[in-house]
Amino acid sequence: MGLTNIGIPGLIIILVITLIIFGPKKLPEIGSAFGKTLAEFKRSTREIMDDSDKETLTVAAKNEEESK
């Protein structure tokens, strides 16, 4: 999806621009922050999906009880 459209040349350009702007000493910090942000986003998305699944099951159970 997103990264597959950029391609290798695009990733190299982004890396070079990042090196120029932040310098090589800041890259590990930036990578770590990006990784933590991505992990938090995935965790939040998973929680939202789990909550949605629980809500769907609750509604289905209520509908089943009402139909009896």
PDB file of N, CA and C in Angstrom:
ATOM      1  N   MET A   1       0.830  -1.185   0.000  1.00  0.00           N
ATOM      2  CA  MET A   1       0.000   0.000   0.000  1.00  0.00           C
ATOM      3  C   MET A   1       0.876   1.250   0.000  1.00  0.00           C
ATOM      4  N   GLY A   2       1.089   1.844   1.155  1.00  0.00           N
ATOM      5  CA  GLY A   2       1.787   3.109   1.253  1.00  0.00           C
ATOM      6  C   GLY A   2       3.239   3.027   0.833  1.00  0.00           C
ATOM      7  N   LEU A   3       4.022   2.178   1.475  1.00  0.00           N
ATOM      8  CA  LEU A   3       5.449   2.116   1.188  1.00  0.00           C
ATOM      9  C   LEU A   3       5.760   1.433  -0.131  1.00  0.00           C
ATOM     10  N   THR A   4       4.893   0.567  -0.595  1.00  0.00           N
ATOM     11  CA  THR A   4       5.165  -0.114  -1.857  1.00  0.00           C
ATOM     12  C   THR A   4       5.105   0.847  -3.032  1.00  0.00           C
ATOM     13  N   ASN A   5       4.349   1.934  -2.910  1.00  0.00           N
ATOM     14  CA  ASN A   5       4.275   2.912  -3.988  1.00  0.00           C
ATOM     15  C   ASN A   5       5.498   3.821  -4.027  1.00  0.00           C
ATOM     16  N   ILE A   6       6.202   3.956  -2.905  1.00  0.00           N
ATOM     17  CA  ILE A   6       7.374   4.823  -2.847  1.00  0.00           C
ATOM     18  C   ILE A   6       8.537   4.179  -3.593  1.00  0.00           C
ATOM     19  N   GLY A   7       8.803   2.935  -3.308  1.00  0.00           N
ATOM     20  CA  GLY A   7       9.899   2.229  -3.961  1.00  0.00           C
ATOM     21  C   GLY A   7      11.225   2.505  -3.288  1.00  0.00           C
ATOM     22  N   ILE A   8      12.229   1.775  -3.711  1.00  0.00           N
ATOM     23  CA  ILE A   8      13.573   1.883  -3.140  1.00  0.00           C
ATOM     24  C   ILE A   8      14.183   3.272  -3.384  1.00  0.00           C
ATOM     25  N   PRO A   9      14.117   3.818  -4.598  1.00  0.00           N
ATOM     26  CA  PRO A   9      14.699   5.155  -4.805  1.00  0.00           C
ATOM     27  C   PRO A   9      14.061   6.226  -3.909  1.00  0.00           C
ATOM     28  N   GLY A  10      12.760   6.132  -3.729  1.00  0.00           N
ATOM     29  CA  GLY A  10      12.069   7.088  -2.864  1.00  0.00           C
ATOM     30  C   GLY A  10      12.513   6.971  -1.423  1.00  0.00           C
ATOM     31  N   LEU A  11      12.693   5.729  -0.947  1.00  0.00           N
ATOM     32  CA  LEU A  11      13.156   5.519   0.425  1.00  0.00           C
ATOM     33  C   LEU A  11      14.571   6.055   0.618  1.00  0.00           C
ATOM     34  N   ILE A  12      15.413   5.884  -0.383  1.00  0.00           N
ATOM     35  CA  ILE A  12      16.788   6.394  -0.301  1.00  0.00           C
ATOM     36  C   ILE A  12      16.776   7.919  -0.236  1.00  0.00           C
ATOM     37  N   ILE A  13      15.942   8.552  -1.041  1.00  0.00           N
ATOM     38  CA  ILE A  13      15.843  10.017  -1.023  1.00  0.00           C
ATOM     39  C   ILE A  13      15.366  10.500   0.347  1.00  0.00           C
ATOM     40  N   ILE A  14      14.353   9.838   0.908  1.00  0.00           N
ATOM     41  CA  ILE A  14      13.854  10.211   2.231  1.00  0.00           C
ATOM     42  C   ILE A  14      14.944  10.057   3.281  1.00  0.00           C
ATOM     43  N   LEU A  15      15.694   8.965   3.223  1.00  0.00           N
ATOM     44  CA  LEU A  15      16.780   8.738   4.174  1.00  0.00           C
ATOM     45  C   LEU A  15      17.856   9.816   4.058  1.00  0.00           C
ATOM     46  N   VAL A  16      18.236  10.179   2.837  1.00  0.00           N
ATOM     47  CA  VAL A  16      19.266  11.209   2.633  1.00  0.00           C
ATOM     48  C   VAL A  16      18.780  12.557   3.167  1.00  0.00           C
ATOM     49  N   ILE A  17      17.544  12.912   2.877  1.00  0.00           N
ATOM     50  CA  ILE A  17      16.996  14.183   3.374  1.00  0.00           C
ATOM     51  C   ILE A  17      16.953  14.184   4.898  1.00  0.00           C
ATOM     52  N   THR A  18      16.557  13.054   5.485  1.00  0.00           N
ATOM     53  CA  THR A  18      16.515  12.942   6.945  1.00  0.00           C
ATOM     54  C   THR A  18      17.910  13.083   7.532  1.00  0.00           C
ATOM     55  N   LEU A  19      18.901  12.464   6.911  1.00  0.00           N
ATOM     56  CA  LEU A  19      20.291  12.592   7.368  1.00  0.00           C
ATOM     57  C   LEU A  19      20.758  14.044   7.307  1.00  0.00           C
ATOM     58  N   ILE A  20      20.407  14.734   6.232  1.00  0.00           N
ATOM     59  CA  ILE A  20      20.828  16.131   6.082  1.00  0.00           C
ATOM     60  C   ILE A  20      20.169  17.009   7.148  1.00  0.00           C
ATOM     61  N   ILE A  21      18.885  16.798   7.393  1.00  0.00           N
ATOM     62  CA  ILE A  21      18.152  17.638   8.338  1.00  0.00           C
ATOM     63  C   ILE A  21      18.564  17.355   9.781  1.00  0.00           C
ATOM     64  N   PHE A  22      18.588  16.103  10.180  1.00  0.00           N
ATOM     65  CA  PHE A  22      18.784  15.758  11.588  1.00  0.00           C
ATOM     66  C   PHE A  22      20.204  15.314  11.933  1.00  0.00           C
ATOM     67  N   GLY A  23      20.948  14.857  10.976  1.00  0.00           N
ATOM     68  CA  GLY A  23      22.293  14.366  11.255  1.00  0.00           C
ATOM     69  C   GLY A  23      22.255  12.919  11.714  1.00  0.00           C
ATOM     70  N   PRO A  24      23.369  12.216  11.569  1.00  0.00           N
ATOM     71  CA  PRO A  24      23.399  10.783  11.880  1.00  0.00           C
ATOM     72  C   PRO A  24      23.241  10.465  13.369  1.00  0.00           C
ATOM     73  N   LYS A  25      23.569  11.416  14.257  1.00  0.00           N
ATOM     74  CA  LYS A  25      23.464  11.143  15.690  1.00  0.00           C
ATOM     75  C   LYS A  25      22.017  11.098  16.169  1.00  0.00           C
ATOM     76  N   LYS A  26      21.123  11.803  15.476  1.00  0.00           N
ATOM     77  CA  LYS A  26      19.716  11.855  15.882  1.00  0.00           C
ATOM     78  C   LYS A  26      18.882  10.720  15.284  1.00  0.00           C
ATOM     79  N   LEU A  27      19.384  10.045  14.268  1.00  0.00           N
ATOM     80  CA  LEU A  27      18.590   9.012  13.602  1.00  0.00           C
ATOM     81  C   LEU A  27      18.125   7.887  14.534  1.00  0.00           C
ATOM     82  N   PRO A  28      18.971   7.363  15.421  1.00  0.00           N
ATOM     83  CA  PRO A  28      18.480   6.310  16.321  1.00  0.00           C
ATOM     84  C   PRO A  28      17.325   6.786  17.212  1.00  0.00           C
ATOM     85  N   GLU A  29      17.413   8.037  17.674  1.00  0.00           N
ATOM     86  CA  GLU A  29      16.340   8.586  18.502  1.00  0.00           C
ATOM     87  C   GLU A  29      15.050   8.718  17.696  1.00  0.00           C
ATOM     88  N   ILE A  30      15.174   9.194  16.489  1.00  0.00           N
ATOM     89  CA  ILE A  30      13.999   9.354  15.626  1.00  0.00           C
ATOM     90  C   ILE A  30      13.403   7.995  15.303  1.00  0.00           C
ATOM     91  N   GLY A  31      14.245   7.020  14.993  1.00  0.00           N
ATOM     92  CA  GLY A  31      13.760   5.669  14.695  1.00  0.00           C
ATOM     93  C   GLY A  31      13.061   5.049  15.886  1.00  0.00           C
ATOM     94  N   SER A  32      13.622   5.254  17.066  1.00  0.00           N
ATOM     95  CA  SER A  32      13.010   4.723  18.282  1.00  0.00           C
ATOM     96  C   SER A  32      11.648   5.365  18.535  1.00  0.00           C
ATOM     97  N   ALA A  33      11.584   6.678  18.390  1.00  0.00           N
ATOM     98  CA  ALA A  33      10.314   7.387  18.592  1.00  0.00           C
ATOM     99  C   ALA A  33       9.277   6.933  17.570  1.00  0.00           C
ATOM    100  N   PHE A  34       9.704   6.751  16.324  1.00  0.00           N
ATOM    101  CA  PHE A  34       8.788   6.294  15.285  1.00  0.00           C
ATOM    102  C   PHE A  34       8.279   4.884  15.587  1.00  0.00           C
ATOM    103  N   GLY A  35       9.179   4.016  16.029  1.00  0.00           N
ATOM    104  CA  GLY A  35       8.788   2.643  16.377  1.00  0.00           C
ATOM    105  C   GLY A  35       7.802   2.608  17.530  1.00  0.00           C
ATOM    106  N   LYS A  36       8.047   3.426  18.557  1.00  0.00           N
ATOM    107  CA  LYS A  36       7.123   3.487  19.698  1.00  0.00           C
ATOM    108  C   LYS A  36       5.757   4.017  19.269  1.00  0.00           C
ATOM    109  N   THR A  37       5.770   5.036  18.413  1.00  0.00           N
ATOM    110  CA  THR A  37       4.513   5.596  17.920  1.00  0.00           C
ATOM    111  C   THR A  37       3.738   4.562  17.116  1.00  0.00           C
ATOM    112  N   LEU A  38       4.421   3.839  16.263  1.00  0.00           N
ATOM    113  CA  LEU A  38       3.777   2.812  15.458  1.00  0.00           C
ATOM    114  C   LEU A  38       3.215   1.695  16.334  1.00  0.00           C
ATOM    115  N   ALA A  39       3.971   1.275  17.344  1.00  0.00           N
ATOM    116  CA  ALA A  39       3.499   0.233  18.257  1.00  0.00           C
ATOM    117  C   ALA A  39       2.265   0.693  19.025  1.00  0.00           C
ATOM    118  N   GLU A  40       2.266   1.942  19.473  1.00  0.00           N
ATOM    119  CA  GLU A  40       1.107   2.491  20.191  1.00  0.00           C
ATOM    120  C   GLU A  40      -0.113   2.551  19.273  1.00  0.00           C
ATOM    121  N   PHE A  41       0.101   2.956  18.026  1.00  0.00           N
ATOM    122  CA  PHE A  41      -1.000   3.014  17.060  1.00  0.00           C
ATOM    123  C   PHE A  41      -1.593   1.623  16.833  1.00  0.00           C
ATOM    124  N   LYS A  42      -0.734   0.624  16.664  1.00  0.00           N
ATOM    125  CA  LYS A  42      -1.213  -0.750  16.465  1.00  0.00           C
ATOM    126  C   LYS A  42      -1.983  -1.242  17.682  1.00  0.00           C
ATOM    127  N   ARG A  43      -1.467  -0.953  18.882  1.00  0.00           N
ATOM    128  CA  ARG A  43      -2.126  -1.378  20.115  1.00  0.00           C
ATOM    129  C   ARG A  43      -3.501  -0.716  20.244  1.00  0.00           C
ATOM    130  N   SER A  44      -3.561   0.571  19.960  1.00  0.00           N
ATOM    131  CA  SER A  44      -4.832   1.294  20.043  1.00  0.00           C
ATOM    132  C   SER A  44      -5.834   0.759  19.026  1.00  0.00           C
ATOM    133  N   THR A  45      -5.358   0.505  17.829  1.00  0.00           N
ATOM    134  CA  THR A  45      -6.232  -0.035  16.788  1.00  0.00           C
ATOM    135  C   THR A  45      -6.761  -1.403  17.191  1.00  0.00           C
ATOM    136  N   ARG A  46      -5.902  -2.239  17.761  1.00  0.00           N
ATOM    137  CA  ARG A  46      -6.306  -3.570  18.215  1.00  0.00           C
ATOM    138  C   ARG A  46      -7.362  -3.456  19.322  1.00  0.00           C
ATOM    139  N   GLU A  47      -7.163  -2.524  20.251  1.00  0.00           N
ATOM    140  CA  GLU A  47      -8.130  -2.327  21.332  1.00  0.00           C
ATOM    141  C   GLU A  47      -9.479  -1.869  20.789  1.00  0.00           C
ATOM    142  N   ILE A  48      -9.453  -0.964  19.831  1.00  0.00           N
ATOM    143  CA  ILE A  48     -10.700  -0.484  19.235  1.00  0.00           C
ATOM    144  C   ILE A  48     -11.428  -1.630  18.546  1.00  0.00           C
ATOM    145  N   MET A  49     -10.692  -2.458  17.813  1.00  0.00           N
ATOM    146  CA  MET A  49     -11.316  -3.592  17.123  1.00  0.00           C
ATOM    147  C   MET A  49     -11.883  -4.591  18.126  1.00  0.00           C
ATOM    148  N   ASP A  50     -11.150  -4.842  19.223  1.00  0.00           N
ATOM    149  CA  ASP A  50     -11.645  -5.761  20.258  1.00  0.00           C
ATOM    150  C   ASP A  50     -12.914  -5.220  20.901  1.00  0.00           C
ATOM    151  N   ASP A  51     -12.929  -3.907  21.209  1.00  0.00           N
ATOM    152  CA  ASP A  51     -14.122  -3.292  21.786  1.00  0.00           C
ATOM    153  C   ASP A  51     -15.301  -3.397  20.830  1.00  0.00           C
ATOM    154  N   SER A  52     -15.028  -3.191  19.546  1.00  0.00           N
ATOM    155  CA  SER A  52     -16.082  -3.279  18.543  1.00  0.00           C
ATOM    156  C   SER A  52     -16.634  -4.703  18.458  1.00  0.00           C
ATOM    157  N   ASP A  53     -15.746  -5.698  18.528  1.00  0.00           N
ATOM    158  CA  ASP A  53     -16.178  -7.093  18.494  1.00  0.00           C
ATOM    159  C   ASP A  53     -17.034  -7.431  19.712  1.00  0.00           C
ATOM    160  N   LYS A  54     -16.623  -6.955  20.887  1.00  0.00           N
ATOM    161  CA  LYS A  54     -17.389  -7.209  22.107  1.00  0.00           C
ATOM    162  C   LYS A  54     -18.765  -6.570  22.017  1.00  0.00           C
ATOM    163  N   GLU A  55     -18.806  -5.348  21.489  1.00  0.00           N
ATOM    164  CA  GLU A  55     -20.088  -4.650  21.357  1.00  0.00           C
ATOM    165  C   GLU A  55     -21.003  -5.399  20.382  1.00  0.00           C
ATOM    166  N   THR A  56     -20.445  -5.889  19.310  1.00  0.00           N
ATOM    167  CA  THR A  56     -21.234  -6.640  18.328  1.00  0.00           C
ATOM    168  C   THR A  56     -21.812  -7.903  18.962  1.00  0.00           C
ATOM    169  N   LEU A  57     -21.012  -8.604  19.756  1.00  0.00           N
ATOM    170  CA  LEU A  57     -21.492  -9.811  20.427  1.00  0.00           C
ATOM    171  C   LEU A  57     -22.579  -9.483  21.438  1.00  0.00           C
ATOM    172  N   THR A  58     -22.436  -8.381  22.151  1.00  0.00           N
ATOM    173  CA  THR A  58     -23.429  -7.969  23.135  1.00  0.00           C
ATOM    174  C   THR A  58     -24.756  -7.644  22.454  1.00  0.00           C
ATOM    175  N   VAL A  59     -24.704  -6.919  21.369  1.00  0.00           N
ATOM    176  CA  VAL A  59     -25.918  -6.565  20.634  1.00  0.00           C
ATOM    177  C   VAL A  59     -26.578  -7.816  20.073  1.00  0.00           C
ATOM    178  N   ALA A  60     -25.785  -8.734  19.548  1.00  0.00           N
ATOM    179  CA  ALA A  60     -26.336  -9.970  18.997  1.00  0.00           C
ATOM    180  C   ALA A  60     -27.005 -10.786  20.105  1.00  0.00           C
ATOM    181  N   ALA A  61     -26.400 -10.830  21.289  1.00  0.00           N
ATOM    182  CA  ALA A  61     -26.990 -11.587  22.391  1.00  0.00           C
ATOM    183  C   ALA A  61     -28.305 -10.946  22.839  1.00  0.00           C
ATOM    184  N   LYS A  62     -28.359  -9.628  22.886  1.00  0.00           N
ATOM    185  CA  LYS A  62     -29.589  -8.928  23.272  1.00  0.00           C
ATOM    186  C   LYS A  62     -30.686  -9.183  22.242  1.00  0.00           C
ATOM    187  N   ASN A  63     -30.337  -9.145  20.967  1.00  0.00           N
ATOM    188  CA  ASN A  63     -31.312  -9.400  19.916  1.00  0.00           C
ATOM    189  C   ASN A  63     -31.839 -10.822  20.001  1.00  0.00           C
ATOM    190  N   GLU A  64     -30.960 -11.763  20.329  1.00  0.00           N
ATOM    191  CA  GLU A  64     -31.355 -13.164  20.455  1.00  0.00           C
ATOM    192  C   GLU A  64     -32.311 -13.332  21.639  1.00  0.00           C
ATOM    193  N   GLU A  65     -32.038 -12.682  22.751  1.00  0.00           N
ATOM    194  CA  GLU A  65     -32.907 -12.759  23.921  1.00  0.00           C
ATOM    195  C   GLU A  65     -34.283 -12.149  23.630  1.00  0.00           C
ATOM    196  N   GLU A  66     -34.295 -11.037  22.898  1.00  0.00           N
ATOM    197  CA  GLU A  66     -35.551 -10.380  22.583  1.00  0.00           C
ATOM    198  C   GLU A  66     -36.411 -11.219  21.642  1.00  0.00           C
ATOM    199  N   SER A  67     -35.778 -12.000  20.789  1.00  0.00           N
ATOM    200  CA  SER A  67     -36.538 -12.779  19.820  1.00  0.00           C
ATOM    201  C   SER A  67     -37.170 -14.028  20.452  1.00  0.00           C
ATOM    202  N   LYS A  68     -36.786 -14.372  21.667  1.00  0.00           N
ATOM    203  CA  LYS A  68     -37.335 -15.552  22.331  1.00  0.00           C
ATOM    204  C   LYS A  68     -38.659 -15.273  22.960  1.00  0.00           C
TER     205      LYS A  68
END
